[in-house]
Amino acid sequence: MDDAPGSYKGASAEGYETTFDRLREMSALSIIDMHLYNHYRGEHASLDSYVGFDAEGSLFGYQGGGQEIDRVAHLKATVENGAAELQPCIYPIGVYGYDCLCWSWYDTGKKKWENMK
C-alpha cells in the first residue's frame, strides 16, 4: 500500500479519490465483512459481498474461504456474456480478465445509485 497512488495522505486519507483512499476504505470493510459472513452461515446460506470502483475497475470482495472468484481472471469478453457491449473500449471481444465496469451487475448498481442522487 505504501506505493499506491495517494499514499502520501497516510492516516488522513479519506473518500475515494485515489487508489490509496479506496484501499484504505476496503481494508476497514474487510473486518466487518468476515464477521457478517460467519454470522450468516447456514446449510444453504451464502453471503458474498463485493465493491467495485469506477476509477480503475477494481473489485474487492469476500466470499469466505473458497476460491471461486479466482476463475474470473480467465473470463473472456464474448457476444454471449455482453461484457464488450457495456464497455467496448476497455473490454473488447476476445479480451481476458475481469473489469467490474464491463458487467451488467455493476452497470445496474451504478445506475440505481445515480438515480438516488
Protein backbone atom coordinates (compact mmCIF):
# COMPACT_ATOMS: atom_id res chain seq x y z
CA MET A 1 0.00 0.00 0.00
CA ASP A 2 2.92 2.33 0.57
CA ASP A 3 3.48 2.67 -3.19
CA ALA A 4 -0.19 3.17 -4.12
CA PRO A 5 -1.09 6.49 -5.71
CA GLY A 6 -2.19 8.83 -2.90
CA SER A 7 -0.26 7.03 -0.15
CA TYR A 8 1.31 10.36 0.85
CA LYS A 9 -2.00 11.10 2.64
CA GLY A 10 -1.28 8.42 5.22
CA ALA A 11 -3.70 8.25 8.14
CA SER A 12 -5.54 11.38 6.99
CA ALA A 13 -6.76 9.69 3.79
CA GLU A 14 -10.50 9.79 3.25
CA GLY A 15 -13.01 9.40 0.45
CA TYR A 16 -12.35 7.51 -2.79
CA GLU A 17 -10.28 9.91 -4.89
CA THR A 18 -7.02 7.93 -5.02
CA THR A 19 -6.13 4.24 -5.11
CA PHE A 20 -4.78 4.56 -1.57
CA ASP A 21 -8.11 6.05 -0.38
CA ARG A 22 -10.01 3.11 -1.86
CA LEU A 23 -7.59 0.53 -0.44
CA ARG A 24 -7.86 2.11 2.99
CA GLU A 25 -11.65 2.01 2.94
CA MET A 26 -11.73 -1.59 1.74
CA SER A 27 -9.24 -2.78 4.35
CA ALA A 28 -11.53 -1.43 7.06
CA LEU A 29 -14.60 -3.06 5.48
CA SER A 30 -12.99 -6.50 5.46
CA ILE A 31 -13.06 -6.64 9.26
CA ILE A 32 -16.85 -6.29 9.24
CA ASP A 33 -17.32 -8.48 6.17
CA MET A 34 -15.75 -11.59 7.71
CA HIS A 35 -17.94 -11.38 10.81
CA LEU A 36 -21.10 -10.93 8.76
CA TYR A 37 -20.14 -13.92 6.63
CA ASN A 38 -19.57 -16.12 9.68
CA HIS A 39 -22.80 -14.95 11.36
CA TYR A 40 -24.94 -15.61 8.28
CA ARG A 41 -23.58 -19.08 7.50
CA GLY A 42 -26.02 -21.90 7.33
CA GLU A 43 -26.58 -25.04 5.34
CA HIS A 44 -27.89 -23.19 2.29
CA ALA A 45 -26.83 -19.66 3.19
CA SER A 46 -24.25 -17.64 1.39
CA LEU A 47 -23.12 -14.10 1.98
CA ASP A 48 -20.68 -12.78 -0.54
CA SER A 49 -20.01 -9.07 -0.80
CA TYR A 50 -18.12 -7.10 -3.38
CA VAL A 51 -17.38 -3.46 -4.03
CA GLY A 52 -16.29 -2.15 -7.43
CA PHE A 53 -14.77 1.25 -8.18
CA ASP A 54 -15.23 3.22 -11.41
CA ALA A 55 -11.81 4.83 -11.25
CA GLU A 56 -9.92 1.77 -12.45
CA GLY A 57 -12.48 -1.04 -12.43
CA SER A 58 -11.08 -2.61 -9.28
CA LEU A 59 -13.14 -5.21 -7.49
CA PHE A 60 -12.80 -6.07 -3.80
CA GLY A 61 -14.77 -8.77 -2.11
CA TYR A 62 -15.09 -11.59 0.33
CA GLN A 63 -16.81 -14.91 -0.09
CA GLY A 64 -15.29 -16.97 2.65
CA GLY A 65 -12.51 -19.48 2.23
CA GLY A 66 -13.49 -20.61 -1.27
CA GLN A 67 -11.56 -19.80 -4.38
CA GLU A 68 -14.48 -19.41 -6.76
CA ILE A 69 -13.56 -15.78 -7.52
CA ASP A 70 -10.21 -16.95 -8.92
CA ARG A 71 -11.94 -18.10 -12.11
CA VAL A 72 -12.76 -14.51 -13.15
CA ALA A 73 -9.18 -13.95 -14.27
CA HIS A 74 -9.92 -16.42 -17.07
CA LEU A 75 -13.13 -14.82 -18.25
CA LYS A 76 -13.24 -13.64 -21.82
CA ALA A 77 -15.44 -10.92 -23.30
CA THR A 78 -17.86 -12.50 -25.76
CA VAL A 79 -21.02 -11.53 -27.57
CA GLU A 80 -22.91 -14.03 -25.39
CA ASN A 81 -21.88 -12.61 -21.99
CA GLY A 82 -22.41 -8.98 -23.08
CA ALA A 83 -19.25 -7.58 -21.47
CA ALA A 84 -17.98 -5.86 -24.60
CA GLU A 85 -21.37 -4.28 -25.22
CA LEU A 86 -21.23 -2.29 -21.94
CA GLN A 87 -17.64 -1.05 -22.22
CA PRO A 88 -16.25 -1.81 -25.71
CA CYS A 89 -13.23 0.49 -25.37
CA ILE A 90 -11.82 -1.28 -22.29
CA TYR A 91 -13.19 -4.80 -22.76
CA PRO A 92 -13.38 -5.64 -26.48
CA ILE A 93 -14.49 -9.07 -27.65
CA GLY A 94 -11.76 -11.65 -27.06
CA VAL A 95 -10.04 -9.88 -24.15
CA TYR A 96 -9.41 -11.92 -21.00
CA GLY A 97 -9.70 -10.64 -17.44
CA TYR A 98 -12.32 -9.16 -15.17
CA ASP A 99 -13.16 -5.49 -15.00
CA CYS A 100 -16.29 -4.84 -12.97
CA LEU A 101 -17.17 -1.86 -15.20
CA CYS A 102 -17.96 -4.30 -18.01
CA TRP A 103 -20.64 -6.41 -16.36
CA SER A 104 -24.36 -5.84 -16.13
CA TRP A 105 -24.50 -6.27 -12.32
CA TYR A 106 -22.14 -3.30 -11.93
CA ASP A 107 -23.89 -1.20 -14.56
CA THR A 108 -27.29 -1.83 -12.94
CA GLY A 109 -25.99 -0.98 -9.45
CA LYS A 110 -24.31 2.19 -10.68
CA LYS A 111 -27.48 3.38 -12.42
CA LYS A 112 -29.53 2.76 -9.25
CA TRP A 113 -27.03 4.76 -7.20
CA GLU A 114 -27.01 7.62 -9.72
CA ASN A 115 -30.81 7.76 -9.67
CA MET A 116 -30.75 8.15 -5.88
CA LYS A 117 -28.63 11.35 -6.02
